Amino acid sequence: MPYTITAIRQDEKMRCVRDSALIALAKARIWESEGWDVVVAGEDGRTFGTAQLDAHVAAYRSLDGAELGIDDDDLIGPKPMKVPAQRSRAERTTTARARPAPEAMPA
């Protein structure tokens, strides 16, 4: 969905369109940090401030694509890393190969 970022400062007006919500958010944050009044509008006409768009992006990133039937290639922005499952201490120690004890060396 394309996002239109509109920034207004005094008698200046800037507008750009970005397909990625993450890129639109980054652009809006930069303009806002430089003193612009920023509004981001979605394709459906909804408008977001930077805080609202940030929450929107965070909510989108928290979705589990597998539950929704979404392929990772359909997601916007950087892909979340898969965290390997943690094994318990007992599992880690029992699955390790036993090492022979070092033999005493004559002096």
N, C-alpha and C. Protein backbone atom coordinates (compact mmCIF):
# COMPACT_ATOMS: atom_id res chain seq x y z
N MET A 1 0.85 -1.16 0.00
CA MET A 1 0.00 0.00 0.00
C MET A 1 0.90 1.23 0.00
N PRO A 2 0.72 2.15 -0.93
CA PRO A 2 1.55 3.36 -0.94
C PRO A 2 1.15 4.33 0.17
N TYR A 3 2.16 4.98 0.71
CA TYR A 3 1.97 5.99 1.75
C TYR A 3 2.44 7.33 1.21
N THR A 4 1.61 8.36 1.38
CA THR A 4 1.98 9.71 0.96
C THR A 4 2.39 10.50 2.19
N ILE A 5 3.64 10.96 2.18
CA ILE A 5 4.17 11.74 3.29
C ILE A 5 4.09 13.20 2.90
N THR A 6 3.38 14.00 3.69
CA THR A 6 3.26 15.44 3.44
C THR A 6 3.88 16.18 4.62
N ALA A 7 4.82 17.07 4.30
CA ALA A 7 5.50 17.85 5.33
C ALA A 7 5.32 19.33 5.02
N ILE A 8 4.92 20.11 6.03
CA ILE A 8 4.67 21.54 5.86
C ILE A 8 5.49 22.30 6.89
N ARG A 9 6.17 23.35 6.41
CA ARG A 9 6.93 24.23 7.29
C ARG A 9 6.83 25.64 6.71
N GLN A 10 6.26 26.56 7.48
CA GLN A 10 6.03 27.94 7.07
C GLN A 10 5.31 27.95 5.72
N ASP A 11 5.92 28.47 4.65
CA ASP A 11 5.23 28.52 3.36
C ASP A 11 5.73 27.42 2.41
N GLU A 12 6.44 26.42 2.93
CA GLU A 12 6.95 25.32 2.12
C GLU A 12 6.11 24.07 2.33
N LYS A 13 5.98 23.29 1.27
CA LYS A 13 5.23 22.04 1.36
C LYS A 13 5.98 20.99 0.54
N MET A 14 6.27 19.86 1.17
CA MET A 14 6.95 18.75 0.50
C MET A 14 6.03 17.54 0.53
N ARG A 15 6.08 16.75 -0.53
CA ARG A 15 5.25 15.55 -0.59
C ARG A 15 6.02 14.47 -1.33
N CYS A 16 5.98 13.26 -0.79
CA CYS A 16 6.57 12.12 -1.50
C CYS A 16 5.74 10.88 -1.20
N VAL A 17 5.87 9.90 -2.06
CA VAL A 17 5.11 8.66 -1.93
C VAL A 17 6.10 7.50 -1.79
N ARG A 18 5.84 6.64 -0.82
CA ARG A 18 6.68 5.46 -0.59
C ARG A 18 5.77 4.24 -0.42
N ASP A 19 6.22 3.12 -0.95
CA ASP A 19 5.44 1.88 -0.85
C ASP A 19 5.59 1.20 0.51
N SER A 20 6.72 1.37 1.14
CA SER A 20 6.99 0.71 2.41
C SER A 20 6.60 1.59 3.58
N ALA A 21 5.88 1.01 4.53
CA ALA A 21 5.52 1.75 5.74
C ALA A 21 6.76 2.10 6.55
N LEU A 22 7.75 1.22 6.54
CA LEU A 22 8.99 1.50 7.27
C LEU A 22 9.74 2.69 6.68
N ILE A 23 9.81 2.75 5.36
CA ILE A 23 10.50 3.86 4.70
C ILE A 23 9.71 5.15 4.90
N ALA A 24 8.40 5.07 4.81
CA ALA A 24 7.56 6.26 5.04
C ALA A 24 7.76 6.77 6.46
N LEU A 25 7.83 5.86 7.42
CA LEU A 25 8.05 6.25 8.81
C LEU A 25 9.41 6.90 8.99
N ALA A 26 10.44 6.33 8.38
CA ALA A 26 11.79 6.91 8.49
C ALA A 26 11.83 8.30 7.88
N LYS A 27 11.22 8.46 6.71
CA LYS A 27 11.19 9.77 6.05
C LYS A 27 10.43 10.79 6.91
N ALA A 28 9.31 10.38 7.47
CA ALA A 28 8.51 11.27 8.31
C ALA A 28 9.29 11.68 9.56
N ARG A 29 10.00 10.74 10.16
CA ARG A 29 10.79 11.06 11.35
C ARG A 29 11.90 12.07 11.04
N ILE A 30 12.55 11.90 9.91
CA ILE A 30 13.61 12.84 9.53
C ILE A 30 13.05 14.24 9.35
N TRP A 31 11.96 14.36 8.58
CA TRP A 31 11.38 15.68 8.35
C TRP A 31 10.90 16.29 9.67
N GLU A 32 10.30 15.47 10.52
CA GLU A 32 9.81 15.97 11.80
C GLU A 32 10.97 16.46 12.67
N SER A 33 12.09 15.76 12.63
CA SER A 33 13.26 16.18 13.42
C SER A 33 13.84 17.50 12.92
N GLU A 34 13.55 17.84 11.67
CA GLU A 34 14.04 19.09 11.09
C GLU A 34 13.03 20.22 11.21
N GLY A 35 11.96 20.00 11.98
CA GLY A 35 11.01 21.07 12.25
C GLY A 35 9.79 21.12 11.34
N TRP A 36 9.57 20.12 10.54
CA TRP A 36 8.41 20.08 9.65
C TRP A 36 7.21 19.50 10.40
N ASP A 37 6.01 19.92 10.02
CA ASP A 37 4.77 19.28 10.48
C ASP A 37 4.46 18.18 9.48
N VAL A 38 4.43 16.94 9.94
CA VAL A 38 4.36 15.79 9.03
C VAL A 38 3.06 15.03 9.23
N VAL A 39 2.44 14.65 8.11
CA VAL A 39 1.27 13.78 8.11
C VAL A 39 1.51 12.71 7.05
N VAL A 40 1.22 11.47 7.40
CA VAL A 40 1.36 10.36 6.46
C VAL A 40 -0.03 9.83 6.17
N ALA A 41 -0.37 9.73 4.89
CA ALA A 41 -1.69 9.24 4.48
C ALA A 41 -1.54 7.91 3.76
N GLY A 42 -2.40 6.97 4.10
CA GLY A 42 -2.41 5.68 3.42
C GLY A 42 -3.25 5.77 2.16
N GLU A 43 -3.22 4.71 1.38
CA GLU A 43 -3.96 4.65 0.12
C GLU A 43 -5.47 4.79 0.37
N ASP A 44 -5.93 4.29 1.52
CA ASP A 44 -7.35 4.33 1.85
C ASP A 44 -7.79 5.67 2.42
N GLY A 45 -6.85 6.63 2.53
CA GLY A 45 -7.21 7.97 3.01
C GLY A 45 -6.99 8.20 4.49
N ARG A 46 -6.70 7.12 5.23
CA ARG A 46 -6.42 7.31 6.66
C ARG A 46 -5.12 8.08 6.82
N THR A 47 -5.09 8.98 7.80
CA THR A 47 -3.87 9.74 8.04
C THR A 47 -3.25 9.30 9.36
N PHE A 48 -1.93 9.35 9.39
CA PHE A 48 -1.16 8.94 10.56
C PHE A 48 -0.17 10.03 10.91
N GLY A 49 0.02 10.28 12.20
CA GLY A 49 1.17 11.05 12.65
C GLY A 49 2.32 10.06 12.78
N THR A 50 3.51 10.53 13.09
CA THR A 50 4.64 9.60 13.18
C THR A 50 4.45 8.58 14.30
N ALA A 51 3.89 9.00 15.43
CA ALA A 51 3.67 8.06 16.54
C ALA A 51 2.65 6.99 16.15
N GLN A 52 1.59 7.41 15.45
CA GLN A 52 0.57 6.45 15.02
C GLN A 52 1.14 5.48 13.99
N LEU A 53 1.94 6.00 13.05
CA LEU A 53 2.52 5.14 12.03
C LEU A 53 3.52 4.17 12.67
N ASP A 54 4.25 4.63 13.66
CA ASP A 54 5.18 3.76 14.37
C ASP A 54 4.43 2.61 15.03
N ALA A 55 3.32 2.90 15.68
CA ALA A 55 2.50 1.86 16.31
C ALA A 55 1.92 0.91 15.26
N HIS A 56 1.51 1.47 14.12
CA HIS A 56 0.97 0.69 13.01
C HIS A 56 2.02 -0.30 12.49
N VAL A 57 3.23 0.19 12.30
CA VAL A 57 4.32 -0.66 11.81
C VAL A 57 4.66 -1.73 12.84
N ALA A 58 4.73 -1.36 14.12
CA ALA A 58 5.04 -2.32 15.17
C ALA A 58 3.98 -3.42 15.25
N ALA A 59 2.73 -3.05 15.11
CA ALA A 59 1.65 -4.04 15.15
C ALA A 59 1.75 -4.97 13.95
N TYR A 60 2.08 -4.43 12.80
CA TYR A 60 2.20 -5.24 11.59
C TYR A 60 3.36 -6.22 11.73
N ARG A 61 4.49 -5.76 12.27
CA ARG A 61 5.67 -6.61 12.40
C ARG A 61 5.44 -7.71 13.43
N SER A 62 4.54 -7.49 14.40
CA SER A 62 4.31 -8.50 15.43
C SER A 62 3.42 -9.64 14.95
N LEU A 63 2.78 -9.47 13.80
CA LEU A 63 1.92 -10.53 13.28
C LEU A 63 2.77 -11.73 12.89
N ASP A 64 2.25 -12.91 13.16
CA ASP A 64 2.92 -14.12 12.72
C ASP A 64 2.35 -14.48 11.36
N GLY A 65 3.15 -14.36 10.34
CA GLY A 65 2.70 -14.59 8.97
C GLY A 65 2.18 -15.99 8.75
N ALA A 66 2.74 -16.98 9.46
CA ALA A 66 2.30 -18.36 9.27
C ALA A 66 0.84 -18.52 9.67
N GLU A 67 0.43 -17.83 10.74
CA GLU A 67 -0.96 -17.93 11.18
C GLU A 67 -1.92 -17.33 10.16
N LEU A 68 -1.45 -16.32 9.44
CA LEU A 68 -2.31 -15.62 8.49
C LEU A 68 -2.15 -16.13 7.07
N GLY A 69 -1.26 -17.09 6.86
CA GLY A 69 -1.02 -17.59 5.52
C GLY A 69 -0.23 -16.61 4.66
N ILE A 70 0.61 -15.79 5.31
CA ILE A 70 1.41 -14.81 4.59
C ILE A 70 2.82 -15.35 4.45
N ASP A 71 3.34 -15.31 3.24
CA ASP A 71 4.71 -15.71 2.99
C ASP A 71 5.66 -14.61 3.45
N ASP A 72 6.88 -14.95 3.87
CA ASP A 72 7.85 -13.95 4.32
C ASP A 72 8.14 -12.92 3.23
N ASP A 73 8.03 -13.31 1.96
CA ASP A 73 8.30 -12.37 0.87
C ASP A 73 7.24 -11.27 0.78
N ASP A 74 6.08 -11.48 1.39
CA ASP A 74 5.00 -10.49 1.35
C ASP A 74 5.14 -9.42 2.42
N LEU A 75 6.02 -9.64 3.40
CA LEU A 75 6.16 -8.68 4.49
C LEU A 75 6.93 -7.46 4.04
N ILE A 76 6.61 -6.33 4.64
CA ILE A 76 7.28 -5.07 4.34
C ILE A 76 8.43 -4.90 5.33
N GLY A 77 9.56 -4.49 4.83
CA GLY A 77 10.69 -4.16 5.71
C GLY A 77 11.54 -5.36 6.05
N PRO A 78 12.47 -5.17 6.96
CA PRO A 78 13.39 -6.25 7.31
C PRO A 78 12.65 -7.42 7.95
N LYS A 79 13.09 -8.59 7.63
CA LYS A 79 12.43 -9.80 8.12
C LYS A 79 12.87 -10.09 9.56
N PRO A 80 11.94 -10.50 10.41
CA PRO A 80 12.31 -10.84 11.79
C PRO A 80 13.18 -12.09 11.80
N MET A 81 14.14 -12.12 12.71
CA MET A 81 15.02 -13.28 12.82
C MET A 81 14.31 -14.39 13.59
N LYS A 82 14.51 -15.61 13.15
CA LYS A 82 13.97 -16.76 13.86
C LYS A 82 14.93 -17.09 15.00
N VAL A 83 14.43 -17.10 16.21
CA VAL A 83 15.26 -17.39 17.38
C VAL A 83 15.19 -18.89 17.64
N PRO A 84 16.36 -19.56 17.68
CA PRO A 84 16.33 -21.00 17.95
C PRO A 84 15.80 -21.28 19.35
N ALA A 85 15.14 -22.40 19.48
CA ALA A 85 14.59 -22.78 20.78
C ALA A 85 15.73 -23.06 21.75
N GLN A 86 15.56 -22.63 22.97
CA GLN A 86 16.58 -22.83 23.99
C GLN A 86 16.44 -24.23 24.58
N ARG A 87 17.55 -24.92 24.69
CA ARG A 87 17.54 -26.24 25.33
C ARG A 87 17.84 -26.07 26.81
N SER A 88 17.28 -26.95 27.61
CA SER A 88 17.55 -26.88 29.05
C SER A 88 18.99 -27.34 29.32
N ARG A 89 19.48 -27.03 30.49
CA ARG A 89 20.85 -27.41 30.86
C ARG A 89 21.01 -28.93 30.81
N ALA A 90 19.99 -29.65 31.27
CA ALA A 90 20.06 -31.11 31.27
C ALA A 90 20.18 -31.63 29.84
N GLU A 91 19.43 -31.06 28.91
CA GLU A 91 19.52 -31.49 27.52
C GLU A 91 20.89 -31.20 26.93
N ARG A 92 21.44 -30.04 27.27
CA ARG A 92 22.75 -29.66 26.73
C ARG A 92 23.85 -30.58 27.25
N THR A 93 23.78 -30.98 28.51
CA THR A 93 24.85 -31.79 29.08
C THR A 93 24.70 -33.26 28.72
N THR A 94 23.49 -33.75 28.54
CA THR A 94 23.32 -35.17 28.22
C THR A 94 23.57 -35.45 26.76
N THR A 95 23.43 -34.49 25.89
CA THR A 95 23.64 -34.75 24.47
C THR A 95 25.09 -34.54 24.05
N ALA A 96 25.89 -33.94 24.92
CA ALA A 96 27.30 -33.73 24.58
C ALA A 96 28.04 -35.06 24.71
N ARG A 97 29.03 -35.26 23.82
CA ARG A 97 29.83 -36.48 23.89
C ARG A 97 30.72 -36.44 25.12
N ALA A 98 30.82 -37.56 25.76
CA ALA A 98 31.68 -37.65 26.94
C ALA A 98 33.13 -37.60 26.47
N ARG A 99 33.93 -36.82 27.14
CA ARG A 99 35.35 -36.72 26.81
C ARG A 99 36.14 -37.54 27.82
N PRO A 100 37.13 -38.24 27.34
CA PRO A 100 37.94 -39.00 28.30
C PRO A 100 38.75 -38.05 29.17
N ALA A 101 38.96 -38.46 30.39
CA ALA A 101 39.74 -37.63 31.31
C ALA A 101 41.19 -37.63 30.86
N PRO A 102 41.86 -36.49 30.98
CA PRO A 102 43.27 -36.47 30.58
C PRO A 102 44.09 -37.36 31.51
N GLU A 103 44.98 -38.11 30.93
CA GLU A 103 45.79 -39.02 31.72
C GLU A 103 46.93 -38.27 32.36
N ALA A 104 47.31 -38.75 33.52
CA ALA A 104 48.42 -38.10 34.23
C ALA A 104 49.71 -38.33 33.47
N MET A 105 50.45 -37.28 33.31
CA MET A 105 51.73 -37.37 32.61
C MET A 105 52.83 -37.56 33.65
N PRO A 106 53.75 -38.47 33.43
CA PRO A 106 54.84 -38.61 34.38
C PRO A 106 55.72 -37.36 34.36
N ALA A 107 56.19 -36.96 35.51
CA ALA A 107 57.01 -35.75 35.60
C ALA A 107 58.44 -36.00 35.23
